[in-house]
C-alpha atoms as a PDB file:
ATOM      1  CA  MET A   1      15.746  14.646 -41.452  1.00  0.00           C
ATOM      2  CA  SER A   2      18.126  16.753 -39.438  1.00  0.00           C
ATOM      3  CA  GLU A   3      19.620  20.057 -40.601  1.00  0.00           C
ATOM      4  CA  THR A   4      22.638  18.193 -41.990  1.00  0.00           C
ATOM      5  CA  GLY A   5      20.429  16.046 -44.186  1.00  0.00           C
ATOM      6  CA  CYS A   6      21.045  12.848 -42.221  1.00  0.00           C
ATOM      7  CA  ALA A   7      18.130  10.782 -41.068  1.00  0.00           C
ATOM      8  CA  LEU A   8      17.506  10.915 -37.343  1.00  0.00           C
ATOM      9  CA  PRO A   9      17.435   7.553 -35.593  1.00  0.00           C
ATOM     10  CA  GLN A  10      13.987   6.180 -35.003  1.00  0.00           C
ATOM     11  CA  THR A  11      13.098   5.719 -31.364  1.00  0.00           C
ATOM     12  CA  ASN A  12      10.655   2.968 -30.747  1.00  0.00           C
ATOM     13  CA  ALA A  13       9.369   3.200 -27.221  1.00  0.00           C
ATOM     14  CA  ARG A  14       9.603  -0.411 -26.165  1.00  0.00           C
ATOM     15  CA  PRO A  15       7.807  -1.694 -23.107  1.00  0.00           C
ATOM     16  CA  THR A  16      10.050  -2.088 -20.094  1.00  0.00           C
ATOM     17  CA  ARG A  17      10.738  -5.775 -19.474  1.00  0.00           C
ATOM     18  CA  LEU A  18      12.585  -7.777 -16.859  1.00  0.00           C
ATOM     19  CA  SER A  19      12.926 -11.524 -16.606  1.00  0.00           C
ATOM     20  CA  PRO A  20      11.238 -13.192 -13.627  1.00  0.00           C
ATOM     21  CA  LEU A  21      14.655 -14.355 -12.372  1.00  0.00           C
ATOM     22  CA  SER A  22      16.086 -10.836 -12.592  1.00  0.00           C
ATOM     23  CA  ALA A  23      13.023  -9.485 -10.794  1.00  0.00           C
ATOM     24  CA  LEU A  24      13.456 -12.070  -8.033  1.00  0.00           C
ATOM     25  CA  VAL A  25      17.169 -11.273  -7.629  1.00  0.00           C
ATOM     26  CA  ALA A  26      16.472  -7.516  -7.561  1.00  0.00           C
ATOM     27  CA  SER A  27      13.658  -7.985  -5.030  1.00  0.00           C
ATOM     28  CA  LEU A  28      15.813 -10.174  -2.775  1.00  0.00           C
ATOM     29  CA  ALA A  29      18.614  -7.594  -2.941  1.00  0.00           C
ATOM     30  CA  LEU A  30      16.175  -4.847  -1.935  1.00  0.00           C
ATOM     31  CA  VAL A  31      14.794  -6.890   0.964  1.00  0.00           C
ATOM     32  CA  THR A  32      18.335  -7.765   2.091  1.00  0.00           C
ATOM     33  CA  GLY A  33      19.190  -4.069   2.103  1.00  0.00           C
ATOM     34  CA  MET A  34      16.050  -3.375   4.143  1.00  0.00           C
ATOM     35  CA  ILE A  35      16.977  -6.040   6.684  1.00  0.00           C
ATOM     36  CA  ILE A  36      20.484  -4.634   7.063  1.00  0.00           C
ATOM     37  CA  TRP A  37      19.070  -1.113   7.492  1.00  0.00           C
ATOM     38  CA  LEU A  38      16.519  -2.243  10.095  1.00  0.00           C
ATOM     39  CA  ARG A  39      19.200  -4.082  12.068  1.00  0.00           C
ATOM     40  CA  LEU A  40      21.429  -0.973  11.938  1.00  0.00           C
ATOM     41  CA  LEU A  41      18.491   0.943  13.402  1.00  0.00           C
ATOM     42  CA  GLY A  42      18.364  -1.597  16.228  1.00  0.00           C
ATOM     43  CA  ARG A  43      15.114  -3.255  15.159  1.00  0.00           C
ATOM     44  CA  PRO A  44      14.718  -6.769  16.604  1.00  0.00           C
ATOM     45  CA  TRP A  45      14.526  -9.844  14.366  1.00  0.00           C
ATOM     46  CA  THR A  46      11.268 -10.959  15.967  1.00  0.00           C
ATOM     47  CA  CYS A  47       8.979  -9.868  18.756  1.00  0.00           C
ATOM     48  CA  PRO A  48      10.972  -9.039  21.914  1.00  0.00           C
ATOM     49  CA  CYS A  49       8.125 -10.776  23.787  1.00  0.00           C
ATOM     50  CA  GLY A  50       9.770 -14.104  22.894  1.00  0.00           C
ATOM     51  CA  VAL A  51       6.791 -15.436  20.932  1.00  0.00           C
ATOM     52  CA  VAL A  52       6.660 -15.714  17.138  1.00  0.00           C
ATOM     53  CA  GLU A  53       3.204 -15.856  15.582  1.00  0.00           C
ATOM     54  CA  PHE A  54       1.839 -15.717  12.053  1.00  0.00           C
ATOM     55  CA  TRP A  55      -1.062 -13.432  13.104  1.00  0.00           C
ATOM     56  CA  GLN A  56      -1.323 -10.826  15.861  1.00  0.00           C
ATOM     57  CA  GLY A  57      -4.947  -9.758  16.145  1.00  0.00           C
ATOM     58  CA  ASP A  58      -4.860  -8.075  19.538  1.00  0.00           C
ATOM     59  CA  LEU A  59      -3.761  -4.505  19.914  1.00  0.00           C
ATOM     60  CA  ASN A  60      -1.254  -5.563  22.538  1.00  0.00           C
ATOM     61  CA  ALA A  61       1.321  -2.767  22.632  1.00  0.00           C
ATOM     62  CA  SER A  62       4.225  -5.154  23.172  1.00  0.00           C
ATOM     63  CA  GLU A  63       3.371  -7.100  20.007  1.00  0.00           C
ATOM     64  CA  ASN A  64       2.098  -4.350  17.659  1.00  0.00           C
ATOM     65  CA  SER A  65       4.023  -4.593  14.384  1.00  0.00           C
ATOM     66  CA  GLN A  66       6.203  -7.365  15.799  1.00  0.00           C
ATOM     67  CA  GLN A  67       4.600 -10.524  14.402  1.00  0.00           C
ATOM     68  CA  PHE A  68       4.525 -11.628  10.754  1.00  0.00           C
ATOM     69  CA  SER A  69       1.023 -10.248  10.150  1.00  0.00           C
ATOM     70  CA  ASP A  70      -1.504  -8.060  11.933  1.00  0.00           C
ATOM     71  CA  TRP A  71      -4.389  -5.764  11.083  1.00  0.00           C
ATOM     72  CA  TYR A  72      -2.007  -3.400   9.329  1.00  0.00           C
ATOM     73  CA  SER A  73      -1.099  -6.162   6.859  1.00  0.00           C
ATOM     74  CA  ALA A  74      -4.400  -5.447   5.098  1.00  0.00           C
ATOM     75  CA  LEU A  75      -3.271  -1.840   4.594  1.00  0.00           C
ATOM     76  CA  HIS A  76      -0.095  -3.131   2.947  1.00  0.00           C
ATOM     77  CA  VAL A  77      -2.261  -5.180   0.576  1.00  0.00           C
ATOM     78  CA  ILE A  78      -4.112  -1.966  -0.310  1.00  0.00           C
ATOM     79  CA  PHE A  79      -0.767  -0.201  -0.802  1.00  0.00           C
ATOM     80  CA  GLY A  80       0.319  -2.921  -3.261  1.00  0.00           C
ATOM     81  CA  MET A  81      -2.970  -2.593  -5.128  1.00  0.00           C
ATOM     82  CA  ALA A  82      -2.544   1.180  -5.306  1.00  0.00           C
ATOM     83  CA  ILE A  83       1.009   0.837  -6.616  1.00  0.00           C
ATOM     84  CA  TYR A  84      -0.241  -1.504  -9.337  1.00  0.00           C
ATOM     85  CA  GLY A  85      -3.017   0.873 -10.367  1.00  0.00           C
ATOM     86  CA  PHE A  86      -0.905   4.012 -10.316  1.00  0.00           C
ATOM     87  CA  VAL A  87       2.205   2.627 -12.011  1.00  0.00           C
ATOM     88  CA  SER A  88       0.181   0.713 -14.615  1.00  0.00           C
ATOM     89  CA  TRP A  89      -1.606   3.933 -15.442  1.00  0.00           C
ATOM     90  CA  MET A  90       1.622   5.981 -15.588  1.00  0.00           C
ATOM     91  CA  LYS A  91       3.726   3.313 -17.336  1.00  0.00           C
ATOM     92  CA  PRO A  92       1.349   1.014 -19.239  1.00  0.00           C
ATOM     93  CA  GLY A  93       4.195  -0.822 -21.003  1.00  0.00           C
ATOM     94  CA  TRP A  94       5.859  -2.076 -17.839  1.00  0.00           C
ATOM     95  CA  SER A  95       5.842  -5.826 -17.372  1.00  0.00           C
ATOM     96  CA  LEU A  96       4.510  -7.529 -14.261  1.00  0.00           C
ATOM     97  CA  ALA A  97       8.098  -8.343 -13.222  1.00  0.00           C
ATOM     98  CA  VAL A  98       9.050  -4.645 -13.329  1.00  0.00           C
ATOM     99  CA  LEU A  99       5.889  -3.765 -11.419  1.00  0.00           C
ATOM    100  CA  MET A 100       6.822  -6.349  -8.759  1.00  0.00           C
ATOM    101  CA  VAL A 101      10.277  -4.844  -8.292  1.00  0.00           C
ATOM    102  CA  THR A 102       8.673  -1.399  -8.101  1.00  0.00           C
ATOM    103  CA  ALA A 103       6.292  -2.657  -5.393  1.00  0.00           C
ATOM    104  CA  VAL A 104       9.132  -4.232  -3.409  1.00  0.00           C
ATOM    105  CA  ALA A 105      11.236  -1.066  -3.735  1.00  0.00           C
ATOM    106  CA  SER A 106       8.284   1.057  -2.573  1.00  0.00           C
ATOM    107  CA  SER A 107       7.650  -1.193   0.406  1.00  0.00           C
ATOM    108  CA  VAL A 108      11.334  -1.284   1.351  1.00  0.00           C
ATOM    109  CA  ALA A 109      11.512   2.518   1.172  1.00  0.00           C
ATOM    110  CA  TRP A 110       8.434   2.833   3.402  1.00  0.00           C
ATOM    111  CA  GLU A 111       9.728   0.299   5.940  1.00  0.00           C
ATOM    112  CA  ALA A 112      13.104   2.086   6.046  1.00  0.00           C
ATOM    113  CA  MET A 113      11.409   5.439   6.719  1.00  0.00           C
ATOM    114  CA  GLU A 114       8.703   4.094   9.043  1.00  0.00           C
ATOM    115  CA  ASN A 115      11.321   2.693  11.400  1.00  0.00           C
ATOM    116  CA  MET A 116      13.322   5.890  11.729  1.00  0.00           C
ATOM    117  CA  PRO A 117      13.150   7.269  15.282  1.00  0.00           C
ATOM    118  CA  ALA A 118      11.378  10.464  14.162  1.00  0.00           C
ATOM    119  CA  LEU A 119       8.532   8.570  12.479  1.00  0.00           C
ATOM    120  CA  ILE A 120       8.254   6.059  15.313  1.00  0.00           C
ATOM    121  CA  SER A 121       7.841   9.036  17.647  1.00  0.00           C
ATOM    122  CA  LEU A 122       5.280  10.656  15.343  1.00  0.00           C
ATOM    123  CA  PHE A 123       3.171   7.496  15.075  1.00  0.00           C
ATOM    124  CA  SER A 124       3.427   6.773  18.777  1.00  0.00           C
ATOM    125  CA  ASN A 125       2.971  10.243  20.259  1.00  0.00           C
ATOM    126  CA  GLU A 126       1.160  12.462  17.774  1.00  0.00           C
ATOM    127  CA  MET A 127      -1.247   9.821  16.550  1.00  0.00           C
ATOM    128  CA  GLY A 128      -1.920   8.294  19.971  1.00  0.00           C
ATOM    129  CA  GLN A 129      -0.765   4.784  19.108  1.00  0.00           C
ATOM    130  CA  ASN A 130       1.411   2.367  21.020  1.00  0.00           C
ATOM    131  CA  TYR A 131       4.006   1.988  18.292  1.00  0.00           C
ATOM    132  CA  SER A 132       7.647   1.198  18.882  1.00  0.00           C
ATOM    133  CA  GLY A 133       8.687   0.287  15.340  1.00  0.00           C
ATOM    134  CA  ASP A 134       8.590  -2.952  13.397  1.00  0.00           C
ATOM    135  CA  SER A 135      10.468  -6.170  13.896  1.00  0.00           C
ATOM    136  CA  VAL A 136      12.392  -7.421  10.871  1.00  0.00           C
ATOM    137  CA  LEU A 137       9.862 -10.272  10.627  1.00  0.00           C
ATOM    138  CA  ASN A 138       6.963  -7.811  10.458  1.00  0.00           C
ATOM    139  CA  ALA A 139       8.691  -5.577   7.891  1.00  0.00           C
ATOM    140  CA  ALA A 140       9.362  -8.614   5.693  1.00  0.00           C
ATOM    141  CA  GLY A 141       5.743  -9.695   6.109  1.00  0.00           C
ATOM    142  CA  ASP A 142       4.555  -6.202   5.194  1.00  0.00           C
ATOM    143  CA  THR A 143       6.582  -6.372   1.982  1.00  0.00           C
ATOM    144  CA  ILE A 144       5.101  -9.772   1.126  1.00  0.00           C
ATOM    145  CA  PHE A 145       1.605  -8.315   1.632  1.00  0.00           C
ATOM    146  CA  VAL A 146       2.438  -5.390  -0.690  1.00  0.00           C
ATOM    147  CA  VAL A 147       3.454  -7.905  -3.385  1.00  0.00           C
ATOM    148  CA  ALA A 148       0.263  -9.890  -2.699  1.00  0.00           C
ATOM    149  CA  GLY A 149      -1.787  -6.726  -3.181  1.00  0.00           C
ATOM    150  CA  LEU A 150      -0.049  -5.921  -6.445  1.00  0.00           C
ATOM    151  CA  THR A 151      -0.625  -9.486  -7.673  1.00  0.00           C
ATOM    152  CA  LEU A 152      -4.278  -9.356  -6.655  1.00  0.00           C
ATOM    153  CA  ALA A 153      -4.785  -6.061  -8.498  1.00  0.00           C
ATOM    154  CA  HIS A 154      -3.129  -7.550 -11.586  1.00  0.00           C
ATOM    155  CA  TRP A 155      -5.601 -10.428 -11.730  1.00  0.00           C
ATOM    156  CA  LEU A 156      -8.779  -8.622 -10.699  1.00  0.00           C
ATOM    157  CA  PRO A 157     -10.823  -6.251 -12.831  1.00  0.00           C
ATOM    158  CA  ALA A 158     -10.295  -2.651 -11.691  1.00  0.00           C
ATOM    159  CA  TRP A 159     -13.769  -2.379 -10.123  1.00  0.00           C
ATOM    160  CA  ALA A 160     -13.166  -5.556  -8.079  1.00  0.00           C
ATOM    161  CA  ALA A 161      -9.737  -4.324  -6.917  1.00  0.00           C
ATOM    162  CA  VAL A 162     -11.319  -1.067  -5.736  1.00  0.00           C
ATOM    163  CA  ALA A 163     -14.077  -3.008  -3.956  1.00  0.00           C
ATOM    164  CA  VAL A 164     -11.494  -5.214  -2.197  1.00  0.00           C
ATOM    165  CA  ALA A 165      -9.468  -2.162  -1.159  1.00  0.00           C
ATOM    166  CA  VAL A 166     -12.544  -0.362   0.215  1.00  0.00           C
ATOM    167  CA  GLY A 167     -13.615  -3.530   2.025  1.00  0.00           C
ATOM    168  CA  LEU A 168     -10.180  -4.004   3.607  1.00  0.00           C
ATOM    169  CA  GLU A 169     -10.022  -0.353   4.665  1.00  0.00           C
ATOM    170  CA  ALA A 170     -13.504  -0.557   6.219  1.00  0.00           C
ATOM    171  CA  THR A 171     -12.662  -3.810   8.000  1.00  0.00           C
ATOM    172  CA  VAL A 172      -9.456  -2.438   9.527  1.00  0.00           C
ATOM    173  CA  SER A 173     -11.148   0.843  10.469  1.00  0.00           C
ATOM    174  CA  LEU A 174     -13.984  -0.958  12.238  1.00  0.00           C
ATOM    175  CA  ALA A 175     -11.747  -3.573  13.870  1.00  0.00           C
ATOM    176  CA  ILE A 176      -9.036  -1.338  15.311  1.00  0.00           C
ATOM    177  CA  GLY A 177     -10.149   2.247  14.703  1.00  0.00           C
ATOM    178  CA  ASP A 178      -7.273   2.906  12.330  1.00  0.00           C
ATOM    179  CA  GLY A 179      -6.572   2.732   8.615  1.00  0.00           C
ATOM    180  CA  PHE A 180      -5.414   4.905   5.745  1.00  0.00           C
ATOM    181  CA  LEU A 181      -8.266   7.391   5.982  1.00  0.00           C
ATOM    182  CA  ILE A 182      -8.293   7.616   9.790  1.00  0.00           C
ATOM    183  CA  GLY A 183      -4.490   7.812   9.870  1.00  0.00           C
ATOM    184  CA  VAL A 184      -4.323  10.619   7.317  1.00  0.00           C
ATOM    185  CA  LEU A 185      -7.055  12.600   9.087  1.00  0.00           C
ATOM    186  CA  THR A 186      -5.369  12.121  12.464  1.00  0.00           C
ATOM    187  CA  LEU A 187      -1.968  13.105  11.069  1.00  0.00           C
ATOM    188  CA  LEU A 188      -3.381  16.207   9.389  1.00  0.00           C
ATOM    189  CA  GLY A 189      -5.179  17.130  12.591  1.00  0.00           C
ATOM    190  CA  SER A 190      -1.963  16.841  14.594  1.00  0.00           C
ATOM    191  CA  LEU A 191      -0.024  18.983  12.104  1.00  0.00           C
ATOM    192  CA  PHE A 192      -2.531  21.831  11.910  1.00  0.00           C
END
């Protein structure tokens, strides 16, 4: 009861829900905004090399982050798995549809920042990589891999999701000498 003697309204914390159709529409709107932003930044639709491939396994500087998928796609899967774990822990009542939109929004925000000239310069110069930014095709692919990672984490037991993430990180690190851990250590080393 309040001081006036009136009953206070009951607040039932309901789980956050979103219909699959609403989640799809929201995700498509976010990706459309990302595409517009990337084009405003001058990012090409596809690889300027004139070739469009599903997978780019070589560390060819002219095609890094230009094709639909590459070694870094595995890191986006890990990112999606991490989003699922963290947000599910912080907001256990959120539906899978809300988690999907959260993953897409997180990926779109990263792609928007990653393709800013200052970050392109940081990744290319400070970290010793041949990076010139992403094509729109690659950024869209990265977002699809984030959603795939979130979906995988949803269906796997937590221990299996962690094992997959560690395995992907180790594979990328061994294959190309880069990954989350190596990248963070290199970035910290360049800042200090």
